[in-house]
Protein backbone atom coordinates (compact mmCIF):
# COMPACT_ATOMS: atom_id res chain seq x y z
CA MET A 1 67.11 142.22 79.96
CA GLN A 2 64.43 140.39 78.34
CA ILE A 3 66.01 136.32 77.71
CA ALA A 4 63.96 133.07 78.35
CA LEU A 5 66.22 130.08 77.99
CA SER A 6 65.27 126.59 79.73
CA ALA A 7 67.56 124.99 81.38
CA ALA A 8 68.12 121.36 78.70
CA GLU A 9 68.97 124.97 76.09
CA ILE A 10 71.29 126.55 78.63
CA THR A 11 73.24 122.70 79.00
CA ALA A 12 73.32 122.33 75.12
CA ILE A 13 75.23 125.29 75.20
CA VAL A 14 77.82 124.85 78.40
CA ARG A 15 77.98 121.10 77.87
CA PRO A 16 78.63 120.15 81.65
CA LEU A 17 80.80 117.60 82.11
CA SER A 18 77.70 115.94 85.35
CA SER A 19 74.42 117.80 86.70
CA LYS A 20 72.76 117.43 90.17
CA GLY A 21 69.17 118.18 90.91
CA ALA A 22 66.29 119.48 87.69
CA THR A 23 63.99 122.49 86.99
CA THR A 24 61.51 123.47 84.75
CA ALA A 25 61.83 126.80 85.30
CA THR A 26 62.86 129.30 82.47
CA ILE A 27 65.77 131.54 82.70
CA CYS A 28 64.26 134.72 82.82
CA GLY A 29 68.08 136.77 83.83
CA LEU A 30 71.41 136.56 85.51
CA ALA A 31 72.70 137.58 88.85
CA ALA A 32 74.93 136.77 91.98
CA LEU A 33 75.00 133.65 93.96
CA ARG A 34 73.21 135.44 97.08
CA GLY A 35 71.03 137.87 95.45
CA ALA A 36 69.35 135.41 92.63
CA ARG A 37 65.84 134.83 92.56
CA PRO A 38 63.91 131.82 91.16
CA GLY A 39 64.14 131.70 87.15
CA GLU A 40 67.44 132.82 87.44
CA LEU A 41 70.72 131.50 86.39
CA SER A 42 74.08 132.49 88.57
CA PHE A 43 77.61 130.71 88.35
CA LEU A 44 80.46 130.07 91.68
CA GLY A 45 83.71 132.40 90.26
CA ASN A 46 85.37 132.80 92.76
CA VAL A 47 85.93 129.89 95.67
CA LYS A 48 84.85 133.10 98.24
CA TYR A 49 82.04 133.06 97.09
CA LYS A 50 81.65 129.37 98.02
CA ALA A 51 79.33 129.63 100.62
CA ASP A 52 76.85 131.51 99.17
CA VAL A 53 76.33 128.02 97.02
CA ALA A 54 74.01 126.61 99.44
CA ALA A 55 71.61 129.46 100.20
CA SER A 56 70.89 130.56 96.12
CA ALA A 57 67.70 130.31 95.29
CA ALA A 58 69.45 130.86 91.14
CA SER A 59 67.29 128.14 89.55
CA VAL A 60 70.27 127.11 87.55
CA LEU A 61 73.82 127.02 88.49
CA LEU A 62 77.89 126.49 87.11
CA LEU A 63 79.98 125.68 89.67
CA PRO A 64 83.00 124.40 89.37
CA VAL A 65 83.41 120.52 89.99
CA ASP A 66 85.17 119.98 93.73
CA CYS A 67 81.53 121.93 94.31
CA ALA A 68 79.54 119.57 96.70
CA ALA A 69 77.08 121.46 97.60
CA GLU A 70 73.04 119.36 96.95
CA PRO A 71 70.67 121.15 94.84
CA GLY A 72 67.35 122.23 96.71
CA PRO A 73 63.57 121.41 95.54
CA ASP A 74 63.07 122.61 91.52
CA GLN A 75 67.10 123.52 91.08
CA LEU A 76 69.72 122.28 88.95
CA PHE A 77 73.19 122.68 89.29
CA LEU A 78 75.20 122.15 86.38
CA ILE A 79 79.15 121.13 87.21
CA VAL A 80 81.63 122.75 84.05
CA GLU A 81 85.37 122.71 84.13
CA ASN A 82 85.40 126.10 84.23
CA PRO A 83 81.73 128.14 85.68
CA SER A 84 83.18 131.51 84.49
CA VAL A 85 83.60 130.24 80.42
CA ALA A 86 80.97 128.63 81.04
CA LEU A 87 79.22 131.68 81.71
CA ALA A 88 80.50 133.39 78.28
CA ARG A 89 79.08 130.85 76.77
CA VAL A 90 75.61 131.12 77.74
CA CYS A 91 75.72 135.36 77.07
CA ALA A 92 76.89 134.70 73.97
CA ARG A 93 74.18 133.48 73.10
CA LEU A 94 72.59 136.55 74.80
CA GLU A 95 74.72 139.03 72.61
CA GLN A 96 73.19 137.57 69.58
CA ALA A 97 69.67 137.53 71.09
CA LEU A 98 69.53 140.96 72.79
CA TRP A 99 71.87 142.73 69.69
CA PRO A 100 71.53 141.18 66.62
CA ARG A 101 72.21 142.40 63.76
CA PRO A 102 71.01 144.33 61.66
CA ALA A 103 70.06 143.28 57.89
CA PRO A 104 73.30 143.79 55.15
CA GLY A 105 73.13 146.72 53.27
CA VAL A 106 73.92 150.61 53.64
CA HIS A 107 71.79 152.83 55.25
CA ALA A 108 70.47 155.75 53.42
CA SER A 109 72.06 158.22 55.63
CA ALA A 110 75.40 157.03 55.05
CA VAL A 111 77.81 158.49 52.70
CA VAL A 112 79.55 155.84 50.62
CA ALA A 113 82.24 157.35 48.84
CA PRO A 114 82.54 155.87 44.30
CA GLY A 115 85.61 153.38 44.71
CA ALA A 116 85.11 152.16 48.32
CA ARG A 117 83.75 147.90 48.36
CA VAL A 118 81.84 146.61 50.18
CA ASN A 119 81.23 143.16 50.75
CA ALA A 120 77.10 142.46 50.03
CA THR A 121 77.22 140.68 53.23
CA ALA A 122 78.02 143.30 55.00
CA THR A 123 76.30 146.45 57.27
CA VAL A 124 77.64 149.96 57.15
CA GLY A 125 74.92 151.80 59.50
CA PRO A 126 73.65 156.07 59.63
CA LEU A 127 76.00 158.53 59.46
CA CYS A 128 78.92 156.56 58.32
CA VAL A 129 81.36 157.81 56.03
CA VAL A 130 83.34 155.65 54.13
CA GLU A 131 86.05 157.12 51.80
CA ALA A 132 87.31 156.86 48.15
CA GLY A 133 89.39 153.27 47.83
CA ALA A 134 88.06 151.72 51.72
CA VAL A 135 87.02 147.68 52.10
CA ILE A 136 84.78 146.71 53.99
CA GLY A 137 84.87 142.46 53.58
CA ALA A 138 81.50 139.87 54.36
CA HIS A 139 79.30 140.37 57.59
CA ALA A 140 81.20 143.21 58.77
CA HIS A 141 78.62 145.14 61.15
CA LEU A 142 80.09 149.07 60.98
CA GLN A 143 77.58 151.35 63.73
CA ALA A 144 76.59 154.52 63.72
CA GLN A 145 78.73 157.01 62.86
CA VAL A 146 81.85 155.08 62.08
CA PHE A 147 84.69 156.49 59.88
CA LEU A 148 86.84 154.87 57.39
CA GLY A 149 89.80 156.71 56.32
CA ARG A 150 91.02 156.41 52.05
CA ASN A 151 92.42 153.24 51.24
CA ALA A 152 91.17 151.22 55.29
CA ARG A 153 90.73 148.16 55.33
CA VAL A 154 88.16 145.75 57.52
CA GLY A 155 88.30 142.56 57.52
CA ASP A 156 85.66 139.31 57.37
CA GLY A 157 83.09 139.50 60.30
CA CYS A 158 84.51 142.91 62.29
CA TRP A 159 82.16 144.77 64.50
CA LEU A 160 83.05 148.89 64.86
CA MET A 161 80.61 149.99 67.69
CA PRO A 162 79.50 154.08 66.92
CA GLY A 163 82.06 156.08 67.20
CA VAL A 164 85.43 154.31 65.66
CA VAL A 165 87.39 156.22 63.67
CA VAL A 166 89.78 154.29 61.63
CA THR A 167 91.70 156.45 59.64
CA ALA A 168 93.57 156.11 55.45
CA ASP A 169 95.53 153.00 54.87
CA CYS A 170 94.61 151.35 58.19
CA GLU A 171 94.22 147.68 57.93
CA LEU A 172 92.15 145.09 60.11
CA HIS A 173 91.81 141.40 59.87
CA GLU A 174 89.56 139.09 60.35
CA ARG A 175 86.87 139.41 63.37
CA VAL A 176 88.16 142.56 65.09
CA ARG A 177 85.97 143.99 66.81
CA LEU A 178 86.47 147.47 67.89
CA HIS A 179 84.03 149.40 71.00
CA ALA A 180 82.70 152.98 70.78
CA GLY A 181 85.31 155.81 70.53
CA VAL A 182 88.39 153.63 69.79
CA VAL A 183 91.01 155.32 66.89
CA VAL A 184 93.46 153.65 64.91
CA GLY A 185 95.77 155.51 63.09
CA SER A 186 95.96 159.59 64.78
CA ASP A 187 99.05 160.87 64.40
CA GLY A 188 101.82 159.55 66.07
CA PHE A 189 103.20 162.84 68.99
CA GLY A 190 106.45 163.09 67.30
CA TYR A 191 107.96 166.67 67.14
CA GLU A 192 111.72 167.54 66.45
CA PHE A 193 112.91 170.75 68.11
CA VAL A 194 114.51 173.47 65.35
CA ALA A 195 114.97 177.22 65.92
CA GLY A 196 113.30 177.68 68.73
CA ARG A 197 110.24 176.36 67.90
CA HIS A 198 108.60 172.51 67.75
CA GLU A 199 108.80 171.19 64.20
CA LYS A 200 106.00 168.21 63.12
CA ILE A 201 107.70 165.01 61.93
CA PRO A 202 104.56 163.97 59.28
CA GLN A 203 103.62 160.13 60.67
CA VAL A 204 103.45 158.21 57.25
CA GLY A 205 103.30 154.88 58.50
CA ASN A 206 99.16 153.21 59.31
CA VAL A 207 98.67 150.30 62.10
CA GLU A 208 97.63 147.27 61.22
CA ILE A 209 95.56 145.01 63.64
CA GLY A 210 95.65 140.85 63.63
CA PRO A 211 92.58 138.83 63.98
CA ASP A 212 90.63 138.38 66.73
CA VAL A 213 91.85 141.18 68.80
CA GLU A 214 89.32 143.63 70.74
CA ILE A 215 89.93 146.85 72.03
CA GLY A 216 88.11 149.46 74.14
CA ALA A 217 85.82 152.23 74.40
CA ASN A 218 88.45 155.89 73.50
CA SER A 219 90.70 153.89 73.13
CA THR A 220 93.89 155.62 71.02
CA LEU A 221 96.32 153.56 68.57
CA ASP A 222 99.37 156.07 66.44
CA ARG A 223 100.11 155.48 63.62
CA ALA A 224 103.41 154.65 63.16
CA ARG A 225 105.95 157.30 61.69
CA PHE A 226 106.93 155.29 58.92
CA SER A 227 106.53 151.35 58.16
CA CYS A 228 103.16 150.12 61.40
CA THR A 229 102.46 149.89 64.84
CA VAL A 230 100.55 146.52 65.09
CA ILE A 231 98.53 144.47 67.05
CA GLY A 232 99.18 141.23 67.09
CA GLU A 233 96.56 138.27 67.31
CA GLY A 234 93.56 137.87 69.94
CA THR A 235 95.55 140.44 71.98
CA LYS A 236 93.16 142.35 74.39
CA ILE A 237 93.02 145.76 74.45
CA ASP A 238 90.63 147.94 77.44
CA ASN A 239 89.01 151.15 77.59
CA LEU A 240 91.36 154.17 77.38
CA VAL A 241 94.11 152.63 76.59
CA GLN A 242 97.17 154.81 74.49
CA ILE A 243 99.65 153.07 71.80
CA ALA A 244 102.64 155.65 70.35
CA HIS A 245 103.59 155.13 66.86
CA ASN A 246 106.16 152.38 65.45
CA VAL A 247 104.56 149.68 69.16
CA VAL A 248 104.63 146.83 68.19
CA ILE A 249 102.83 144.50 70.80
CA GLY A 250 102.43 140.39 70.08
CA ARG A 251 99.61 137.57 69.77
CA HIS A 252 97.27 137.22 73.12
CA CYS A 253 98.07 140.45 75.14
CA LEU A 254 96.15 141.82 77.66
CA LEU A 255 96.60 145.06 78.76
CA CYS A 256 94.44 146.73 80.77
CA ALA A 257 92.52 151.07 80.80
CA GLN A 258 94.38 153.65 81.13
CA VAL A 259 97.32 151.70 80.06
CA GLY A 260 100.02 154.18 78.24
CA ILE A 261 103.24 152.51 76.21
CA ALA A 262 105.07 154.98 74.75
CA GLY A 263 106.67 154.59 70.92
CA SER A 264 108.45 152.26 69.29
CA THR A 265 107.93 149.72 72.36
CA THR A 266 107.95 145.49 71.43
CA LEU A 267 106.28 143.70 74.12
CA GLY A 268 106.36 139.39 73.12
CA ASP A 269 103.40 137.51 72.93
CA TYR A 270 101.42 136.51 75.84
CA VAL A 271 101.96 139.60 77.32
CA VAL A 272 99.90 141.44 80.43
CA LEU A 273 99.95 145.08 81.62
CA GLY A 274 98.04 145.75 84.97
CA GLY A 275 95.72 149.07 84.96
CA GLN A 276 97.60 152.35 84.57
CA ALA A 277 100.80 150.99 83.91
CA GLY A 278 103.25 153.21 82.07
CA VAL A 279 106.32 152.02 79.60
CA ALA A 280 109.10 154.52 78.43
CA GLY A 281 109.88 153.93 74.74
CA HIS A 282 111.91 151.90 72.90
CA LEU A 283 111.91 149.14 75.30
CA SER A 284 111.37 145.36 74.60
CA LEU A 285 109.76 143.09 76.69
CA GLY A 286 109.63 139.68 76.39
CA GLN A 287 107.27 136.98 76.18
CA GLY A 288 105.02 136.73 78.33
CA ALA A 289 106.44 139.70 81.29
CA LYS A 290 103.62 140.68 83.30
CA VAL A 291 103.57 144.59 85.00
CA GLY A 292 101.48 145.40 88.06
CA GLY A 293 99.39 148.15 88.27
CA GLN A 294 100.58 151.81 87.67
CA ALA A 295 104.18 150.58 87.66
CA GLY A 296 106.30 152.29 85.44
CA VAL A 297 108.57 150.43 83.34
CA SER A 298 111.45 152.27 82.61
CA ARG A 299 114.27 149.36 80.88
CA ASP A 300 113.91 146.22 79.41
CA LEU A 301 112.29 142.80 80.85
CA GLU A 302 113.54 139.63 80.00
CA ALA A 303 110.77 136.78 79.39
CA GLY A 304 108.51 136.14 82.58
CA ALA A 305 109.17 138.74 84.17
CA PHE A 306 106.81 140.05 86.47
CA VAL A 307 106.96 143.68 87.68
CA ASP A 308 105.56 146.21 90.30
CA GLY A 309 106.35 149.08 91.45
CA TYR A 310 107.94 152.66 90.20
CA PRO A 311 110.35 152.00 88.80
CA ALA A 312 109.27 148.72 87.88
CA ILE A 313 111.60 145.90 89.72
CA PRO A 314 110.81 142.78 90.31
CA ILE A 315 107.94 142.25 92.02
CA GLN A 316 108.97 140.22 95.51
CA LEU A 317 111.23 142.86 96.15
CA GLU A 318 108.26 145.18 95.92
CA GLN A 319 106.22 143.59 97.76
CA ARG A 320 108.69 143.44 100.96
CA ILE A 321 109.14 146.89 100.24
CA ARG A 322 106.06 148.16 100.55
CA VAL A 323 105.87 146.18 103.92
CA LEU A 324 109.20 147.54 105.18
CA ARG A 325 107.56 151.12 103.74
CA HIS A 326 105.05 151.44 106.38
CA ARG A 327 107.34 150.25 108.98
CA LEU A 328 110.00 153.39 108.59
CA PRO A 329 108.41 156.04 111.12
CA ALA A 330 108.84 153.67 113.78
CA LEU A 331 112.35 153.09 112.21
CA PHE A 332 113.08 156.72 112.83
CA ARG A 333 111.85 156.79 115.67
CA ARG A 334 113.98 154.46 116.48
CA VAL A 335 117.29 155.52 115.51
CA SER A 336 116.40 159.11 116.27
CA GLY A 337 116.33 157.16 119.86
CA LEU A 338 119.41 155.73 119.80
CA GLU A 339 121.84 158.23 118.28
CA GLU A 340 120.02 160.68 121.49
CA GLU A 341 121.94 157.81 124.16
CA ILE A 342 124.96 157.51 122.13
CA ALA A 343 125.15 160.92 122.85
CA ARG A 344 123.99 160.80 126.60
CA LEU A 345 126.47 157.39 126.58
CA LYS A 346 129.82 159.71 125.00
CA LYS A 347 128.69 162.76 127.64
CA ALA A 348 129.18 160.67 130.50
CA SER A 349 131.86 158.76 129.37
CA ALA A 350 133.71 161.86 128.79
CA ALA A 351 132.75 163.00 132.16
């Protein structure tokens, strides 16, 4: 990673509440507190690493308001409200420099069907295929080997990374970011058992993805059996997530890696699903509901619910059960001992 930012440039990016110390070093890298060297930027994003601040050799540190450490020679502390957010803003600047978008236009190896509309400011990369009726908005960026089906729509400012597939009639609103291998609009998994065989149910709906959604690598969103599979504005989806047909996901939800959601389930706004959580079909998860990692949800959840385990139950109860589960062997030994004592007493009484 080749970067070069002055302390003044970093200060302008993060807009600190205050600062301590000063440095003349040019920042050429990012590092964790403990391993940072002069010329690198670090941050305190978790209080468990607070003790590492004083010993860090980083030239610039992003620190929270309650950190009382003092900078060493040629060291600058920038006091910010949220160090993790401040670092993200620095990384956003670096991203622009490290992976600049190529000049607008259609690569010579791309295939764009007659009748497709590509905005003059958009970029269509090598080996892309854009079918008839597809629309690509202003400043959209399609990297190599992206496929857009018939009448698919890609909104302004979208970024589709290598190998993304957006099938016929699916729609991406503004600033959607799809990582490598994402499939939007694969067939929903629908069959009826007729006369001893599984008969396919055609999936004739589409997928609609709202503004500012980001979807991780190799995730799959099935097209609806009819109507739409919907992903709400600002929702963030991790890698390897499966979203089935006719699922409706609200605004600003978080779905961690390997989540699976069965068909026709609805998630309200701000729902969080931990890694490998599974949600059965035809359910409703209320606004702000949270589901722990690997939990299995088989019933509706009210707004604000926080559940864990399989089957998913309120998290406080699940945590108590986990503690008690470790005590089961000792409990069984005690019960066996009591049974033996009762049997002995009965025998003695009878005698």
